[in-house]
């Protein structure tokens, strides 16, 4: 399953040697690493609508 994620503003989150997530939304495979990064706050899950609606 793929989800859209982005990094915190001004940061880059490395998921593996070949995958880097920046502030731009990126579609990545949902792995345990990705889940862990979302949980600790270094990645933002864009598929969930949170915050301001409009």
N, C-alpha and C. Protein backbone atom coordinates (compact mmCIF):
# COMPACT_ATOMS: atom_id res chain seq x y z
N UNK A 1 0.84 -1.19 0.00
CA UNK A 1 0.00 0.00 0.00
C UNK A 1 0.88 1.25 0.00
N UNK A 2 0.55 2.19 -0.86
CA UNK A 2 1.33 3.43 -0.91
C UNK A 2 0.57 4.54 -0.20
N UNK A 3 1.30 5.40 0.49
CA UNK A 3 0.70 6.56 1.12
C UNK A 3 1.51 7.79 0.76
N UNK A 4 0.88 8.95 0.86
CA UNK A 4 1.59 10.21 0.59
C UNK A 4 2.12 10.76 1.90
N UNK A 5 3.42 11.05 1.91
CA UNK A 5 4.03 11.62 3.10
C UNK A 5 4.90 12.81 2.71
N UNK A 6 5.18 13.65 3.68
CA UNK A 6 6.14 14.73 3.48
C UNK A 6 6.90 14.94 4.78
N UNK A 7 8.09 15.55 4.68
CA UNK A 7 8.90 15.78 5.87
C UNK A 7 8.49 17.08 6.53
N UNK A 8 8.95 17.28 7.75
CA UNK A 8 8.71 18.53 8.45
C UNK A 8 9.36 19.66 7.65
N UNK A 9 8.81 20.88 7.69
CA UNK A 9 9.39 22.00 6.94
C UNK A 9 10.88 22.20 7.27
N UNK A 10 11.68 22.29 6.22
CA UNK A 10 13.11 22.51 6.40
C UNK A 10 13.92 21.27 6.70
N UNK A 11 13.27 20.11 6.68
CA UNK A 11 13.99 18.87 6.99
C UNK A 11 13.88 17.87 5.84
N UNK A 12 14.81 16.93 5.82
CA UNK A 12 14.77 15.83 4.86
C UNK A 12 14.79 14.56 5.67
N UNK A 13 13.92 13.62 5.33
CA UNK A 13 13.85 12.37 6.08
C UNK A 13 14.31 11.23 5.17
N UNK A 14 15.41 10.58 5.55
CA UNK A 14 15.90 9.45 4.77
C UNK A 14 15.20 8.18 5.24
N UNK A 15 14.60 7.47 4.28
CA UNK A 15 13.95 6.21 4.64
C UNK A 15 14.87 5.04 4.32
N UNK A 16 15.66 5.18 3.27
CA UNK A 16 16.63 4.16 2.90
C UNK A 16 17.70 4.83 2.07
N UNK A 17 18.61 4.04 1.51
CA UNK A 17 19.67 4.61 0.68
C UNK A 17 19.12 5.34 -0.53
N UNK A 18 18.01 4.83 -1.07
CA UNK A 18 17.49 5.40 -2.32
C UNK A 18 16.31 6.34 -2.12
N UNK A 19 15.71 6.33 -0.93
CA UNK A 19 14.49 7.10 -0.72
C UNK A 19 14.71 8.23 0.27
N UNK A 20 14.49 9.46 -0.21
CA UNK A 20 14.55 10.64 0.64
C UNK A 20 13.23 11.39 0.51
N UNK A 21 12.67 11.80 1.62
CA UNK A 21 11.43 12.56 1.59
C UNK A 21 11.73 13.98 2.02
N UNK A 22 11.29 14.96 1.21
CA UNK A 22 11.49 16.36 1.55
C UNK A 22 10.14 16.99 1.89
N UNK A 23 10.07 18.32 1.84
CA UNK A 23 8.81 19.01 2.15
C UNK A 23 7.75 18.78 1.09
N UNK A 24 8.16 18.35 -0.11
CA UNK A 24 7.18 18.05 -1.16
C UNK A 24 6.55 16.70 -0.87
N UNK A 25 5.26 16.57 -1.18
CA UNK A 25 4.58 15.29 -0.97
C UNK A 25 5.21 14.22 -1.85
N UNK A 26 5.36 13.04 -1.29
CA UNK A 26 5.93 11.93 -2.04
C UNK A 26 5.16 10.67 -1.70
N UNK A 27 4.89 9.86 -2.72
CA UNK A 27 4.18 8.62 -2.50
C UNK A 27 5.20 7.52 -2.18
N UNK A 28 5.11 6.94 -1.01
CA UNK A 28 6.05 5.89 -0.61
C UNK A 28 5.29 4.66 -0.15
N UNK A 29 5.96 3.53 -0.19
CA UNK A 29 5.40 2.28 0.29
C UNK A 29 5.27 2.36 1.81
N UNK A 30 4.14 1.92 2.33
CA UNK A 30 3.93 1.97 3.79
C UNK A 30 4.64 0.79 4.43
N UNK A 31 5.77 1.07 5.05
CA UNK A 31 6.55 0.02 5.72
C UNK A 31 6.59 0.33 7.21
N UNK A 32 7.20 -0.56 7.97
CA UNK A 32 7.31 -0.32 9.41
C UNK A 32 8.16 0.90 9.68
N UNK A 33 9.19 1.11 8.85
CA UNK A 33 10.04 2.31 9.01
C UNK A 33 9.22 3.57 8.83
N UNK A 34 8.39 3.60 7.77
CA UNK A 34 7.55 4.77 7.49
C UNK A 34 6.59 4.99 8.65
N UNK A 35 5.96 3.93 9.14
CA UNK A 35 5.03 4.04 10.28
C UNK A 35 5.74 4.62 11.50
N UNK A 36 6.96 4.14 11.75
CA UNK A 36 7.73 4.61 12.91
C UNK A 36 8.04 6.10 12.76
N UNK A 37 8.43 6.52 11.55
CA UNK A 37 8.76 7.93 11.31
C UNK A 37 7.54 8.83 11.49
N UNK A 38 6.37 8.36 11.06
CA UNK A 38 5.14 9.14 11.23
C UNK A 38 4.82 9.26 12.72
N UNK A 39 5.01 8.15 13.43
CA UNK A 39 4.71 8.14 14.87
C UNK A 39 5.63 9.08 15.64
N UNK A 40 6.94 9.10 15.29
CA UNK A 40 7.85 9.98 16.04
C UNK A 40 7.85 11.41 15.52
N UNK A 41 7.06 11.68 14.48
CA UNK A 41 6.85 13.05 14.05
C UNK A 41 7.78 13.56 12.97
N UNK A 42 8.72 12.73 12.47
CA UNK A 42 9.62 13.23 11.43
C UNK A 42 8.97 13.19 10.04
N UNK A 43 7.91 12.42 9.89
CA UNK A 43 7.16 12.44 8.63
C UNK A 43 5.72 12.85 8.90
N UNK A 44 5.11 13.51 7.92
CA UNK A 44 3.71 13.91 8.03
C UNK A 44 2.91 13.11 7.02
N UNK A 45 1.87 12.46 7.48
CA UNK A 45 1.00 11.67 6.60
C UNK A 45 0.03 12.61 5.90
N UNK A 46 0.14 12.72 4.59
CA UNK A 46 -0.70 13.66 3.84
C UNK A 46 -2.04 13.04 3.44
N UNK A 47 -2.17 11.73 3.54
CA UNK A 47 -3.41 11.10 3.13
C UNK A 47 -4.52 11.32 4.15
N UNK A 48 -4.14 11.57 5.40
CA UNK A 48 -5.13 11.89 6.42
C UNK A 48 -5.35 13.39 6.39
N UNK A 49 -6.60 13.81 6.36
CA UNK A 49 -6.91 15.24 6.35
C UNK A 49 -6.89 15.72 7.80
N UNK A 50 -5.86 16.50 8.13
CA UNK A 50 -5.77 17.05 9.49
C UNK A 50 -5.57 18.54 9.42
N UNK A 51 -5.97 19.20 10.49
CA UNK A 51 -5.73 20.64 10.55
C UNK A 51 -6.79 21.43 9.81
N UNK A 52 -6.32 22.43 9.07
CA UNK A 52 -7.25 23.34 8.41
C UNK A 52 -7.92 22.69 7.21
N UNK A 53 -9.22 22.79 7.16
CA UNK A 53 -9.93 22.31 5.97
C UNK A 53 -10.25 23.53 5.11
N UNK A 54 -10.15 23.40 3.83
CA UNK A 54 -10.39 24.44 2.82
C UNK A 54 -9.33 24.36 1.78
